[in-house]
Every structure is written in C-alpha cells, then in structure tokens.
Protein backbone atom coordinates (compact mmCIF):
# COMPACT_ATOMS: atom_id res chain seq x y z
CA MET A 1 0.00 0.00 0.00
CA PHE A 2 1.06 3.55 -0.63
CA SER A 3 0.97 6.58 1.59
CA PRO A 4 0.76 9.89 -0.28
CA VAL A 5 3.60 12.37 0.23
CA PHE A 6 2.94 15.72 -1.43
CA LEU A 7 5.90 17.58 -2.85
CA SER A 8 5.57 21.34 -3.04
CA THR A 9 8.80 22.37 -4.75
CA GLU A 10 10.94 21.06 -7.56
CA ASN A 11 13.89 21.16 -5.22
CA GLN A 12 12.30 18.42 -3.08
CA LEU A 13 11.79 16.22 -6.12
CA ASN A 14 15.32 16.83 -7.36
CA LYS A 15 16.73 15.80 -3.97
CA LEU A 16 14.70 12.59 -4.05
CA LEU A 17 15.85 11.81 -7.59
CA LYS A 18 19.49 12.38 -6.67
CA LYS A 19 19.09 10.12 -3.66
CA GLN A 20 17.44 7.45 -5.81
CA LYS A 21 20.20 7.62 -8.38
CA LYS A 22 22.96 7.46 -5.76
CA PHE A 23 21.55 4.64 -3.61
CA LYS A 24 19.54 2.82 -6.32
CA LEU A 25 16.33 3.01 -4.33
CA SER A 26 12.89 2.06 -5.60
CA MET A 27 10.34 4.85 -5.57
CA SER A 28 7.08 5.90 -7.19
CA ILE A 29 5.98 9.35 -8.36
CA LEU A 30 2.47 10.35 -9.37
CA PHE A 31 2.17 13.41 -11.61
CA THR A 32 -1.19 15.16 -11.23
CA SER A 33 -2.96 18.40 -12.04
CA LEU A 34 -5.25 20.66 -10.03
CA TRP A 35 -7.65 21.00 -12.94
CA ASP A 36 -7.98 17.35 -13.91
CA LYS A 37 -10.98 15.61 -12.34
CA HIS A 38 -9.37 12.17 -12.67
CA SER A 39 -6.26 13.36 -10.83
CA LEU A 40 -8.31 14.91 -8.04
CA LYS A 41 -10.37 11.75 -7.60
CA LEU A 42 -7.24 9.59 -7.59
CA VAL A 43 -5.54 11.73 -4.93
CA GLU A 44 -8.70 11.73 -2.81
CA LEU A 45 -8.89 7.93 -2.96
CA LEU A 46 -5.21 7.66 -2.01
CA LYS A 47 -5.77 9.92 1.00
CA ARG A 48 -8.80 7.90 2.11
CA GLN A 49 -6.99 4.58 1.68
CA SER A 50 -3.95 5.88 3.55
CA THR A 51 -6.14 7.03 6.45
CA LEU A 52 -7.93 3.68 6.64
CA ASN A 53 -4.64 1.76 6.56
CA PHE A 54 -3.15 4.04 9.22
CA MET A 55 -6.08 3.41 11.53
CA SER A 56 -6.03 -0.35 11.03
CA GLU A 57 -2.20 -0.54 11.06
CA LYS A 58 -2.34 -3.77 9.06
CA LYS A 59 -0.01 -3.10 6.18
CA THR A 60 3.22 -1.24 5.83
CA GLN A 61 2.98 1.75 3.56
CA THR A 62 5.54 2.88 1.04
CA PRO A 63 5.66 6.55 0.08
CA LEU A 64 4.06 7.67 -3.16
CA TYR A 65 5.41 11.09 -4.07
CA ILE A 66 2.73 13.28 -5.63
CA THR A 67 3.61 16.31 -7.73
CA ASN A 68 1.39 19.06 -9.05
CA SER A 69 1.71 20.45 -12.56
CA PHE A 70 0.95 23.99 -11.48
CA LEU A 71 3.60 24.13 -8.74
CA MET A 72 6.28 22.10 -10.54
CA PRO A 73 6.05 22.39 -14.32
CA HIS A 74 9.69 21.45 -14.88
CA SER A 75 9.25 18.12 -13.12
CA PHE A 76 6.94 16.98 -15.91
CA VAL A 77 9.69 17.43 -18.46
CA ILE A 78 12.04 15.09 -16.60
CA PHE A 79 9.94 11.99 -17.39
CA LYS A 80 8.35 13.33 -20.56
CA SER A 81 4.88 13.50 -19.04
CA PHE A 82 2.35 14.59 -21.59
CA ARG A 83 -0.77 13.08 -20.01
CA ILE A 84 -2.13 13.33 -16.51
CA PRO A 85 -2.31 11.40 -14.24
CA HIS A 86 1.06 9.79 -14.89
CA LEU A 87 2.53 7.15 -12.57
CA VAL A 88 6.30 6.59 -12.69
CA HIS A 89 8.04 3.70 -10.93
CA LEU A 90 11.79 4.04 -10.51
CA PHE A 91 13.71 0.84 -9.86
CA LYS A 92 17.45 0.35 -9.62
CA ASP A 93 18.29 1.20 -13.21
CA THR A 94 14.90 1.18 -14.91
CA VAL A 95 12.00 3.56 -15.21
CA ARG A 96 8.47 2.33 -15.83
CA SER A 97 5.72 4.78 -16.77
CA GLU A 98 1.98 4.29 -16.79
CA TYR A 99 -0.66 6.59 -18.28
CA TYR A 100 -3.63 4.26 -18.59
CA LEU A 101 -6.00 5.19 -15.74
CA PRO A 102 -7.38 1.69 -14.91
CA LYS A 103 -3.81 0.35 -14.80
CA ILE A 104 -2.80 3.16 -12.42
CA TYR A 105 -5.67 2.26 -10.11
CA GLU A 106 -4.62 -1.39 -10.24
CA GLU A 107 -0.97 -0.67 -9.50
CA LEU A 108 -1.90 1.58 -6.56
CA GLY A 109 -4.29 -1.03 -5.17
CA LEU A 110 -7.42 1.12 -5.44
C-alpha cells in the first residue's frame, strides 16, 4: 500500500531523484494536475486509503510522491509526461511509466 507524500517544490523532487540515483532506491511518483478531475479523484482515494490503513495498522505503507503540474512544471519534463495522471516507478536502473487510468488504479491497489 502507498501513503501519499505531497511535494511542493521542484527542489524536493530533485533531492529525491538524486538520492534514488545514488543509492539505487525504488520509488514511485504520481504526476497530477489541479484541474484534472481524474487526478483529483485519484488523490482523494489515495488519502482515504492511507487514512484507513493508518487506523487499522495492518499493512506497511511505502511513500508515493505526488507532484502538481501547477507548482512544478519542470518536473513533468524530466519523465516526458504529456498526459495526466502519470505514474512513474523508478527501480534500480529502470523507469516504468503508466498513463492508462485503470492500470494506475490497479498498481496503486485502489
């Protein structure tokens, strides 16, 4: 399960990407927009699921970093995001992107 972590500046995302590159960590980033109804619904479901999992304390949660197109336009260029929502999984040396909305829901366990 994922717990949403909202990034408010590009500097925060750049620090995470440098850390991922240096230590070869796995991480996930969700690119969203304030004006997209699908993005807003997805973020709302993630918040609700995170709250329910926190209360039940059943599963460990991994962070899902959520960026906003309005606050961080340059971050969308890094992974060539041209559709929203856009889920990016970073593994040791590979990057996997997903644009298809039902697949994003499936990968996030919603």
